[in-house]
Amino acid sequence: MTAQTVAGADLDVLATAEAWRKAGRDVAIATVVETWGSAPRPVGSHLVVDGEGNFEGSVSGGCVEGAVVGEAIDVIAAGKAKMLEFGVADETAWRVGLSCGGRIRVYVEKLA
């Protein structure tokens, strides 16, 4: 996947967030803000989530993605942004979607 493809996919996710808001849905957006080591998605990657748990985009994969969706639903309900950090040792990395022991930080905020 090229950087151009990634950028195009992220623009689609942002367009989805805008469309969902216009449709009256409560929406949160999660953004990869920092990575260390090997990470499945680059800084700037987005995941948009609505109040019912529907989502589009990606910030990581595996169990991390599910955890971010759950946190985004909490952010929508509380209206307060969160900074999340995920990182694992190499021996458990495959189970949670960080295949080479990388770490990521994801900022989750409710869209107004």
C-alpha atoms as a PDB file:
ATOM      1  CA  MET A   1       0.000   0.000   0.000  1.00  0.00           C
ATOM      2  CA  THR A   2       1.422   3.351  -0.986  1.00  0.00           C
ATOM      3  CA  ALA A   3       1.306   6.528   1.079  1.00  0.00           C
ATOM      4  CA  GLN A   4      -1.060   7.935  -1.526  1.00  0.00           C
ATOM      5  CA  THR A   5      -3.438   4.969  -1.055  1.00  0.00           C
ATOM      6  CA  VAL A   6      -3.307   5.391   2.725  1.00  0.00           C
ATOM      7  CA  ALA A   7      -4.023   9.120   2.416  1.00  0.00           C
ATOM      8  CA  GLY A   8      -6.964   8.411   0.098  1.00  0.00           C
ATOM      9  CA  ALA A   9      -8.402   5.841   2.500  1.00  0.00           C
ATOM     10  CA  ASP A  10      -8.120   8.298   5.398  1.00  0.00           C
ATOM     11  CA  LEU A  11      -9.923  10.977   3.368  1.00  0.00           C
ATOM     12  CA  ASP A  12     -12.737   8.464   2.792  1.00  0.00           C
ATOM     13  CA  VAL A  13     -12.934   7.822   6.549  1.00  0.00           C
ATOM     14  CA  LEU A  14     -13.163  11.549   7.242  1.00  0.00           C
ATOM     15  CA  ALA A  15     -15.877  11.871   4.592  1.00  0.00           C
ATOM     16  CA  THR A  16     -17.762   9.063   6.336  1.00  0.00           C
ATOM     17  CA  ALA A  17     -17.453  10.899   9.663  1.00  0.00           C
ATOM     18  CA  GLU A  18     -18.876  14.034   8.077  1.00  0.00           C
ATOM     19  CA  ALA A  19     -21.746  12.123   6.439  1.00  0.00           C
ATOM     20  CA  TRP A  20     -22.611  10.341   9.695  1.00  0.00           C
ATOM     21  CA  ARG A  21     -22.669  13.661  11.595  1.00  0.00           C
ATOM     22  CA  LYS A  22     -24.902  15.234   8.934  1.00  0.00           C
ATOM     23  CA  ALA A  23     -27.224  12.233   9.313  1.00  0.00           C
ATOM     24  CA  GLY A  24     -27.547  13.022  13.023  1.00  0.00           C
ATOM     25  CA  ARG A  25     -25.323  10.274  14.388  1.00  0.00           C
ATOM     26  CA  ASP A  26     -23.014  10.800  17.356  1.00  0.00           C
ATOM     27  CA  VAL A  27     -19.482  10.213  16.084  1.00  0.00           C
ATOM     28  CA  ALA A  28     -15.987   9.828  17.497  1.00  0.00           C
ATOM     29  CA  ILE A  29     -12.779   9.778  15.534  1.00  0.00           C
ATOM     30  CA  ALA A  30      -9.649   7.915  16.590  1.00  0.00           C
ATOM     31  CA  THR A  31      -6.307   9.051  15.170  1.00  0.00           C
ATOM     32  CA  VAL A  32      -2.893   7.387  15.412  1.00  0.00           C
ATOM     33  CA  VAL A  33      -0.729  10.158  16.869  1.00  0.00           C
ATOM     34  CA  GLU A  34       2.498   8.301  17.611  1.00  0.00           C
ATOM     35  CA  THR A  35       4.157   4.953  16.882  1.00  0.00           C
ATOM     36  CA  TRP A  36       7.288   3.194  18.123  1.00  0.00           C
ATOM     37  CA  GLY A  37       8.893   0.210  16.477  1.00  0.00           C
ATOM     38  CA  SER A  38       6.718  -1.751  14.115  1.00  0.00           C
ATOM     39  CA  ALA A  39       3.110  -0.554  13.882  1.00  0.00           C
ATOM     40  CA  PRO A  40       0.463  -1.773  11.416  1.00  0.00           C
ATOM     41  CA  ARG A  41      -0.819   1.733  10.554  1.00  0.00           C
ATOM     42  CA  PRO A  42       1.107   5.003  10.207  1.00  0.00           C
ATOM     43  CA  VAL A  43       0.664   8.211  12.183  1.00  0.00           C
ATOM     44  CA  GLY A  44      -2.409  10.033  10.896  1.00  0.00           C
ATOM     45  CA  SER A  45      -4.491   6.897  10.298  1.00  0.00           C
ATOM     46  CA  HIS A  46      -8.142   7.245  11.325  1.00  0.00           C
ATOM     47  CA  LEU A  47     -11.000   5.127  12.610  1.00  0.00           C
ATOM     48  CA  VAL A  48     -14.477   6.668  12.794  1.00  0.00           C
ATOM     49  CA  VAL A  49     -17.041   5.165  15.188  1.00  0.00           C
ATOM     50  CA  ASP A  50     -20.691   5.976  15.795  1.00  0.00           C
ATOM     51  CA  GLY A  51     -22.642   5.610  19.038  1.00  0.00           C
ATOM     52  CA  GLU A  52     -23.922   2.171  18.030  1.00  0.00           C
ATOM     53  CA  GLY A  53     -20.438   0.777  17.425  1.00  0.00           C
ATOM     54  CA  ASN A  54     -20.458   0.970  13.630  1.00  0.00           C
ATOM     55  CA  PHE A  55     -16.983   1.855  12.382  1.00  0.00           C
ATOM     56  CA  GLU A  56     -14.925   2.520   9.301  1.00  0.00           C
ATOM     57  CA  GLY A  57     -11.189   2.876   8.836  1.00  0.00           C
ATOM     58  CA  SER A  58      -8.333   1.399  10.828  1.00  0.00           C
ATOM     59  CA  VAL A  59      -5.807   2.399  13.469  1.00  0.00           C
ATOM     60  CA  SER A  60      -4.173  -0.975  14.002  1.00  0.00           C
ATOM     61  CA  GLY A  61      -6.034  -4.237  13.618  1.00  0.00           C
ATOM     62  CA  GLY A  62      -6.598  -7.258  15.814  1.00  0.00           C
ATOM     63  CA  CYS A  63      -7.727  -6.739  19.396  1.00  0.00           C
ATOM     64  CA  VAL A  64      -6.445  -3.148  19.418  1.00  0.00           C
ATOM     65  CA  GLU A  65      -9.110  -2.131  16.889  1.00  0.00           C
ATOM     66  CA  GLY A  66     -11.873  -3.625  19.052  1.00  0.00           C
ATOM     67  CA  ALA A  67     -10.527  -1.873  22.137  1.00  0.00           C
ATOM     68  CA  VAL A  68     -10.448   1.479  20.311  1.00  0.00           C
ATOM     69  CA  VAL A  69     -14.059   1.025  19.134  1.00  0.00           C
ATOM     70  CA  GLY A  70     -15.118   0.351  22.739  1.00  0.00           C
ATOM     71  CA  GLU A  71     -13.232   3.394  24.019  1.00  0.00           C
ATOM     72  CA  ALA A  72     -14.724   5.550  21.245  1.00  0.00           C
ATOM     73  CA  ILE A  73     -18.240   4.578  22.340  1.00  0.00           C
ATOM     74  CA  ASP A  74     -17.294   5.665  25.888  1.00  0.00           C
ATOM     75  CA  VAL A  75     -15.910   8.969  24.538  1.00  0.00           C
ATOM     76  CA  ILE A  76     -19.183   9.594  22.687  1.00  0.00           C
ATOM     77  CA  ALA A  77     -21.188   8.954  25.852  1.00  0.00           C
ATOM     78  CA  ALA A  78     -18.961  11.050  28.140  1.00  0.00           C
ATOM     79  CA  GLY A  79     -18.010  13.752  25.653  1.00  0.00           C
ATOM     80  CA  LYS A  80     -14.432  13.729  26.957  1.00  0.00           C
ATOM     81  CA  ALA A  81     -11.455  12.883  24.713  1.00  0.00           C
ATOM     82  CA  LYS A  82      -8.975  10.124  25.646  1.00  0.00           C
ATOM     83  CA  MET A  83      -5.385   9.269  24.763  1.00  0.00           C
ATOM     84  CA  LEU A  84      -4.889   5.503  24.465  1.00  0.00           C
ATOM     85  CA  GLU A  85      -1.608   3.605  24.345  1.00  0.00           C
ATOM     86  CA  PHE A  86      -1.110   0.047  23.224  1.00  0.00           C
ATOM     87  CA  GLY A  87       2.110  -1.940  23.322  1.00  0.00           C
ATOM     88  CA  VAL A  88       3.062  -5.542  23.880  1.00  0.00           C
ATOM     89  CA  ALA A  89       6.083  -7.774  24.190  1.00  0.00           C
ATOM     90  CA  ASP A  90       7.084  -9.673  21.048  1.00  0.00           C
ATOM     91  CA  GLU A  91       5.828 -13.040  22.355  1.00  0.00           C
ATOM     92  CA  THR A  92       2.213 -11.810  22.687  1.00  0.00           C
ATOM     93  CA  ALA A  93       2.178  -9.278  19.856  1.00  0.00           C
ATOM     94  CA  TRP A  94       0.448 -11.456  17.247  1.00  0.00           C
ATOM     95  CA  ARG A  95      -2.621 -11.980  19.463  1.00  0.00           C
ATOM     96  CA  VAL A  96      -3.405  -8.263  19.713  1.00  0.00           C
ATOM     97  CA  GLY A  97      -2.442  -7.201  16.205  1.00  0.00           C
ATOM     98  CA  LEU A  98       0.971  -5.625  16.848  1.00  0.00           C
ATOM     99  CA  SER A  99       2.977  -8.194  14.936  1.00  0.00           C
ATOM    100  CA  CYS A 100       6.493  -7.021  15.836  1.00  0.00           C
ATOM    101  CA  GLY A 101       6.084  -5.724  19.355  1.00  0.00           C
ATOM    102  CA  GLY A 102       5.424  -2.133  18.345  1.00  0.00           C
ATOM    103  CA  ARG A 103       3.551   0.465  20.377  1.00  0.00           C
ATOM    104  CA  ILE A 104       0.978   3.016  19.266  1.00  0.00           C
ATOM    105  CA  ARG A 105      -0.788   6.020  20.788  1.00  0.00           C
ATOM    106  CA  VAL A 106      -4.303   6.812  19.607  1.00  0.00           C
ATOM    107  CA  TYR A 107      -6.236  10.012  20.365  1.00  0.00           C
ATOM    108  CA  VAL A 108     -10.020   9.555  20.486  1.00  0.00           C
ATOM    109  CA  GLU A 109     -12.388  12.538  20.411  1.00  0.00           C
ATOM    110  CA  LYS A 110     -16.083  13.134  19.906  1.00  0.00           C
ATOM    111  CA  LEU A 111     -16.943  15.223  16.867  1.00  0.00           C
ATOM    112  CA  ALA A 112     -19.182  18.202  17.516  1.00  0.00           C
END
